[in-house]
Amino acid sequence: MEQLELQDLKVDKVVDARGTACPGPLLEAKKAIGTISSGEIMEILSADEGTKRDIPKWANKKGHEYMGTVEESGYFKIYLKKG
């Protein structure tokens, strides 16, 4: 997905994990994914570099769809669709 398309997504849940280091953002995402329904979209905010690798890997393993990452100033927005 293109960065512009990602930014226009309607997200169902935002997880702001910018204050935590690895594996904090992943743990926050694991907790939050249980609170949304299948097909809903979650946005994870993280300043940790490792999160860009960890979350897509975890999503694929669990059957969720990694939709892409948007880089902001000093942090990332990672998009997932719950499987």
Protein backbone atom coordinates (compact mmCIF):
# COMPACT_ATOMS: atom_id res chain seq x y z
CA MET A 1 0.00 0.00 0.00
CA GLU A 2 1.17 3.53 -0.70
CA GLN A 3 2.01 5.87 2.19
CA LEU A 4 -0.83 8.24 1.24
CA GLU A 5 -3.38 5.43 1.17
CA LEU A 6 -2.20 4.23 4.57
CA GLN A 7 -2.58 7.70 6.07
CA ASP A 8 -6.17 7.88 4.81
CA LEU A 9 -7.16 4.57 6.37
CA LYS A 10 -9.94 4.60 8.92
CA VAL A 11 -8.40 2.84 11.88
CA ASP A 12 -10.46 1.08 14.52
CA LYS A 13 -7.80 1.09 17.23
CA VAL A 14 -4.66 3.18 17.85
CA VAL A 15 -1.92 1.77 20.06
CA ASP A 16 0.50 4.48 21.16
CA ALA A 17 3.63 2.61 22.24
CA ARG A 18 6.08 5.45 21.59
CA GLY A 19 7.14 5.52 25.24
CA THR A 20 8.25 1.89 25.30
CA ALA A 21 11.30 0.12 23.94
CA CYS A 22 11.35 -3.32 22.33
CA PRO A 23 9.47 -5.60 23.05
CA GLY A 24 6.98 -3.10 24.53
CA PRO A 25 5.28 -2.09 21.27
CA LEU A 26 4.83 -5.73 20.26
CA LEU A 27 3.35 -6.63 23.66
CA GLU A 28 0.98 -3.64 23.43
CA ALA A 29 -0.07 -4.74 19.93
CA LYS A 30 -0.68 -8.32 21.12
CA LYS A 31 -2.93 -7.03 23.91
CA ALA A 32 -4.80 -4.60 21.67
CA ILE A 33 -5.45 -7.05 18.80
CA GLY A 34 -7.75 -8.95 21.17
CA THR A 35 -9.96 -5.89 21.56
CA ILE A 36 -10.84 -5.50 17.86
CA SER A 37 -12.87 -7.67 15.51
CA SER A 38 -11.68 -9.61 12.49
CA GLY A 39 -11.19 -7.28 9.51
CA GLU A 40 -10.70 -4.20 11.67
CA ILE A 41 -7.56 -2.08 11.36
CA MET A 42 -5.08 -1.25 14.09
CA GLU A 43 -2.43 1.47 13.98
CA ILE A 44 0.64 1.03 16.20
CA LEU A 45 2.76 4.08 16.97
CA SER A 46 6.35 3.26 17.89
CA ALA A 47 9.71 5.01 18.05
CA ASP A 48 11.59 1.70 18.34
CA GLU A 49 13.41 0.58 15.16
CA GLY A 50 12.94 -3.12 15.94
CA THR A 51 9.18 -2.75 15.88
CA LYS A 52 9.27 -2.31 12.09
CA ARG A 53 10.52 -5.91 11.83
CA ASP A 54 8.85 -7.51 14.84
CA ILE A 55 5.24 -6.53 14.19
CA PRO A 56 5.04 -7.67 10.54
CA LYS A 57 6.69 -10.99 11.52
CA TRP A 58 4.28 -11.52 14.41
CA ALA A 59 1.26 -10.50 12.27
CA ASN A 60 2.12 -13.00 9.54
CA LYS A 61 2.64 -15.77 12.07
CA LYS A 62 -0.75 -15.06 13.66
CA GLY A 63 -2.68 -14.69 10.40
CA HIS A 64 -3.12 -10.91 10.51
CA GLU A 65 -2.38 -8.73 7.50
CA TYR A 66 0.55 -6.34 7.77
CA MET A 67 -0.54 -3.38 5.63
CA GLY A 68 2.54 -1.17 5.79
CA THR A 69 4.50 1.40 7.74
CA VAL A 70 4.49 5.19 7.51
CA GLU A 71 7.55 7.02 8.82
CA GLU A 72 6.81 10.17 10.76
CA SER A 73 9.29 12.52 12.40
CA GLY A 74 10.87 10.41 15.16
CA TYR A 75 8.40 7.51 15.07
CA PHE A 76 6.54 5.05 12.84
CA LYS A 77 2.90 4.21 12.24
CA ILE A 78 2.44 0.51 11.54
CA TYR A 79 -0.85 -0.75 10.12
CA LEU A 80 -2.37 -4.19 10.63
CA LYS A 81 -5.67 -5.75 9.65
CA LYS A 82 -6.87 -8.39 12.10
CA GLY A 83 -7.19 -11.82 10.50
